[in-house]
N, C-alpha and C. Protein backbone atom coordinates (compact mmCIF):
# COMPACT_ATOMS: atom_id res chain seq x y z
N MET A 1 6.58 43.61 217.63
CA MET A 1 7.00 44.12 218.92
C MET A 1 6.71 45.62 218.96
N THR A 2 6.12 46.05 220.05
CA THR A 2 5.76 47.46 220.21
C THR A 2 6.78 48.14 221.11
N MET A 3 7.21 49.30 220.70
CA MET A 3 8.17 50.06 221.51
C MET A 3 7.39 51.10 222.32
N THR A 4 7.73 51.21 223.58
CA THR A 4 7.08 52.21 224.41
C THR A 4 7.93 53.47 224.41
N SER A 5 7.25 54.60 224.46
CA SER A 5 7.98 55.86 224.46
C SER A 5 8.40 56.20 225.88
N GLN A 6 9.57 56.75 225.99
CA GLN A 6 10.07 57.17 227.29
C GLN A 6 9.71 58.63 227.50
N LYS A 7 9.26 58.94 228.70
CA LYS A 7 8.96 60.32 229.02
C LYS A 7 10.26 61.06 229.29
N HIS A 8 10.35 62.24 228.76
CA HIS A 8 11.54 63.06 229.00
C HIS A 8 11.36 63.82 230.32
N ARG A 9 12.31 63.65 231.20
CA ARG A 9 12.26 64.37 232.47
C ARG A 9 12.97 65.70 232.33
N SER A 10 12.43 66.69 233.00
CA SER A 10 13.09 67.98 232.96
C SER A 10 14.39 67.89 233.74
N ALA A 11 15.38 68.59 233.28
CA ALA A 11 16.69 68.55 233.92
C ALA A 11 16.62 69.19 235.31
N THR A 12 17.20 68.49 236.27
CA THR A 12 17.26 69.00 237.63
C THR A 12 18.67 69.48 237.89
N LYS A 13 18.80 70.70 238.32
CA LYS A 13 20.12 71.26 238.61
C LYS A 13 20.57 70.77 239.97
N ILE A 14 21.68 70.09 240.00
CA ILE A 14 22.25 69.61 241.26
C ILE A 14 23.55 70.35 241.49
N ASP A 15 23.67 70.93 242.68
CA ASP A 15 24.89 71.65 243.02
C ASP A 15 26.04 70.67 243.18
N PRO A 16 27.26 71.15 243.01
CA PRO A 16 28.42 70.27 243.21
C PRO A 16 28.44 69.72 244.64
N VAL A 17 28.99 68.54 244.78
CA VAL A 17 29.13 67.93 246.10
C VAL A 17 30.19 68.72 246.87
N PRO A 18 29.92 69.04 248.13
CA PRO A 18 30.91 69.79 248.92
C PRO A 18 32.25 69.04 248.98
N GLU A 19 33.34 69.78 248.93
CA GLU A 19 34.67 69.17 248.93
C GLU A 19 34.96 68.38 250.21
N GLY A 20 34.31 68.74 251.31
CA GLY A 20 34.55 68.06 252.58
C GLY A 20 34.01 66.65 252.65
N LEU A 21 33.20 66.26 251.68
CA LEU A 21 32.64 64.91 251.68
C LEU A 21 33.59 63.96 250.96
N GLU A 22 34.16 63.02 251.71
CA GLU A 22 35.10 62.09 251.11
C GLU A 22 34.51 60.69 250.94
N SER A 23 33.58 60.33 251.81
CA SER A 23 32.97 59.00 251.77
C SER A 23 32.03 58.88 250.57
N ALA A 24 32.13 57.76 249.87
CA ALA A 24 31.25 57.52 248.72
C ALA A 24 29.79 57.45 249.18
N ARG A 25 29.55 56.85 250.34
CA ARG A 25 28.18 56.77 250.86
C ARG A 25 27.64 58.16 251.19
N ALA A 26 28.46 58.99 251.80
CA ALA A 26 28.03 60.35 252.15
C ALA A 26 27.71 61.14 250.89
N LYS A 27 28.53 60.99 249.87
CA LYS A 27 28.28 61.67 248.60
C LYS A 27 26.97 61.20 247.97
N LEU A 28 26.75 59.88 248.00
CA LEU A 28 25.54 59.31 247.42
C LEU A 28 24.30 59.83 248.12
N VAL A 29 24.31 59.81 249.45
CA VAL A 29 23.16 60.30 250.22
C VAL A 29 22.96 61.79 249.97
N TYR A 30 24.03 62.56 249.99
CA TYR A 30 23.95 64.01 249.76
C TYR A 30 23.34 64.30 248.38
N ILE A 31 23.83 63.64 247.36
CA ILE A 31 23.34 63.87 245.99
C ILE A 31 21.86 63.50 245.88
N TYR A 32 21.47 62.38 246.49
CA TYR A 32 20.07 61.97 246.44
C TYR A 32 19.18 63.00 247.13
N LEU A 33 19.60 63.44 248.32
CA LEU A 33 18.80 64.44 249.04
C LEU A 33 18.72 65.74 248.27
N ASP A 34 19.80 66.14 247.64
CA ASP A 34 19.82 67.38 246.86
C ASP A 34 18.90 67.25 245.64
N ALA A 35 18.94 66.11 244.98
CA ALA A 35 18.14 65.92 243.76
C ALA A 35 16.65 65.81 244.05
N THR A 36 16.30 65.22 245.20
CA THR A 36 14.89 64.96 245.49
C THR A 36 14.26 66.00 246.41
N GLY A 37 15.07 66.79 247.06
CA GLY A 37 14.54 67.79 247.98
C GLY A 37 14.31 67.25 249.38
N GLY A 38 14.69 66.00 249.63
CA GLY A 38 14.57 65.43 250.96
C GLY A 38 14.04 64.02 250.93
N ALA A 39 14.32 63.28 252.00
CA ALA A 39 13.85 61.90 252.09
C ALA A 39 13.93 61.43 253.54
N THR A 40 13.14 60.41 253.83
CA THR A 40 13.20 59.78 255.15
C THR A 40 14.31 58.73 255.16
N VAL A 41 14.64 58.27 256.35
CA VAL A 41 15.65 57.22 256.49
C VAL A 41 15.20 55.97 255.72
N GLU A 42 13.93 55.63 255.83
CA GLU A 42 13.39 54.45 255.15
C GLU A 42 13.49 54.59 253.63
N GLU A 43 13.14 55.77 253.12
CA GLU A 43 13.24 56.00 251.67
C GLU A 43 14.68 55.88 251.20
N LEU A 44 15.60 56.47 251.95
CA LEU A 44 17.01 56.40 251.57
C LEU A 44 17.49 54.94 251.53
N GLY A 45 17.12 54.19 252.54
CA GLY A 45 17.54 52.79 252.60
C GLY A 45 17.00 51.98 251.43
N GLU A 46 15.74 52.22 251.10
CA GLU A 46 15.12 51.48 250.01
C GLU A 46 15.69 51.87 248.65
N ILE A 47 15.75 53.14 248.39
CA ILE A 47 16.20 53.63 247.08
C ILE A 47 17.70 53.39 246.86
N LEU A 48 18.50 53.61 247.90
CA LEU A 48 19.96 53.49 247.76
C LEU A 48 20.49 52.11 248.13
N ALA A 49 19.59 51.20 248.51
CA ALA A 49 19.96 49.83 248.88
C ALA A 49 21.03 49.82 249.97
N MET A 50 20.78 50.60 251.01
CA MET A 50 21.71 50.67 252.14
C MET A 50 20.98 50.26 253.40
N LYS A 51 21.71 49.67 254.34
CA LYS A 51 21.13 49.28 255.63
C LYS A 51 20.85 50.54 256.45
N LYS A 52 19.81 50.44 257.28
CA LYS A 52 19.39 51.57 258.10
C LYS A 52 20.53 52.09 258.98
N ILE A 53 21.32 51.20 259.56
CA ILE A 53 22.43 51.61 260.42
C ILE A 53 23.45 52.45 259.64
N ASN A 54 23.68 52.09 258.38
CA ASN A 54 24.62 52.86 257.55
C ASN A 54 24.04 54.22 257.18
N ILE A 55 22.74 54.25 256.86
CA ILE A 55 22.07 55.52 256.55
C ILE A 55 22.14 56.45 257.75
N LEU A 56 21.82 55.92 258.93
CA LEU A 56 21.85 56.75 260.15
C LEU A 56 23.24 57.28 260.43
N SER A 57 24.26 56.47 260.22
CA SER A 57 25.64 56.91 260.42
C SER A 57 26.01 58.04 259.47
N VAL A 58 25.65 57.87 258.21
CA VAL A 58 25.94 58.91 257.20
C VAL A 58 25.18 60.19 257.52
N LEU A 59 23.90 60.06 257.85
CA LEU A 59 23.09 61.24 258.16
C LEU A 59 23.61 61.96 259.41
N ASN A 60 24.06 61.20 260.40
CA ASN A 60 24.64 61.80 261.59
C ASN A 60 25.88 62.62 261.23
N SER A 61 26.71 62.06 260.39
CA SER A 61 27.93 62.75 259.95
C SER A 61 27.58 64.00 259.12
N LEU A 62 26.64 63.87 258.20
CA LEU A 62 26.24 65.01 257.37
C LEU A 62 25.58 66.10 258.21
N SER A 63 24.82 65.70 259.22
CA SER A 63 24.17 66.67 260.10
C SER A 63 25.18 67.40 260.97
N SER A 64 26.12 66.64 261.53
CA SER A 64 27.09 67.27 262.44
C SER A 64 28.04 68.23 261.73
N THR A 65 28.22 68.03 260.43
CA THR A 65 29.07 68.94 259.66
C THR A 65 28.27 70.04 258.97
N GLY A 66 26.95 70.03 259.17
CA GLY A 66 26.11 71.11 258.64
C GLY A 66 25.67 70.97 257.20
N TYR A 67 25.83 69.79 256.61
CA TYR A 67 25.43 69.60 255.22
C TYR A 67 23.95 69.28 255.05
N VAL A 68 23.36 68.65 256.07
CA VAL A 68 21.93 68.34 256.01
C VAL A 68 21.26 68.72 257.33
N ASP A 69 19.96 68.95 257.25
CA ASP A 69 19.13 69.24 258.42
C ASP A 69 17.98 68.25 258.44
N ARG A 70 17.43 68.06 259.62
CA ARG A 70 16.24 67.23 259.75
C ARG A 70 15.02 68.13 259.83
N MET A 71 14.02 67.82 259.02
CA MET A 71 12.77 68.57 259.03
C MET A 71 11.65 67.55 259.18
N GLY A 72 11.18 67.37 260.40
CA GLY A 72 10.18 66.34 260.66
C GLY A 72 10.82 64.97 260.51
N ASP A 73 10.24 64.14 259.66
CA ASP A 73 10.77 62.80 259.40
C ASP A 73 11.80 62.78 258.28
N GLU A 74 11.94 63.91 257.58
CA GLU A 74 12.84 63.95 256.41
C GLU A 74 14.15 64.66 256.71
N PHE A 75 15.14 64.29 255.93
CA PHE A 75 16.43 64.99 255.94
C PHE A 75 16.53 65.75 254.63
N VAL A 76 17.03 66.99 254.72
CA VAL A 76 17.16 67.85 253.55
C VAL A 76 18.54 68.49 253.52
N VAL A 77 19.00 68.83 252.34
CA VAL A 77 20.29 69.52 252.19
C VAL A 77 20.15 70.94 252.75
N THR A 78 21.14 71.35 253.51
CA THR A 78 21.16 72.69 254.07
C THR A 78 21.44 73.69 252.95
N ASN A 79 20.67 74.76 252.94
CA ASN A 79 20.85 75.78 251.90
C ASN A 79 21.92 76.76 252.24
């Protein structure tokens, strides 16, 4: 049996989740967007295994509270 080597990924610094986020889904979406630098609704749904309606609801909430912005087709964490 042959063992494959795993590539070591460089550590990505993720800022703490804002205290105002109480929903587990909102935290998950926020952390993913922060770690990846942004994603489309379709990417979020596929990667996080969430329905589009739930993603849109979370993104609407995160946008209205100023945690994320829309840039073209992608959503990104507000700096």
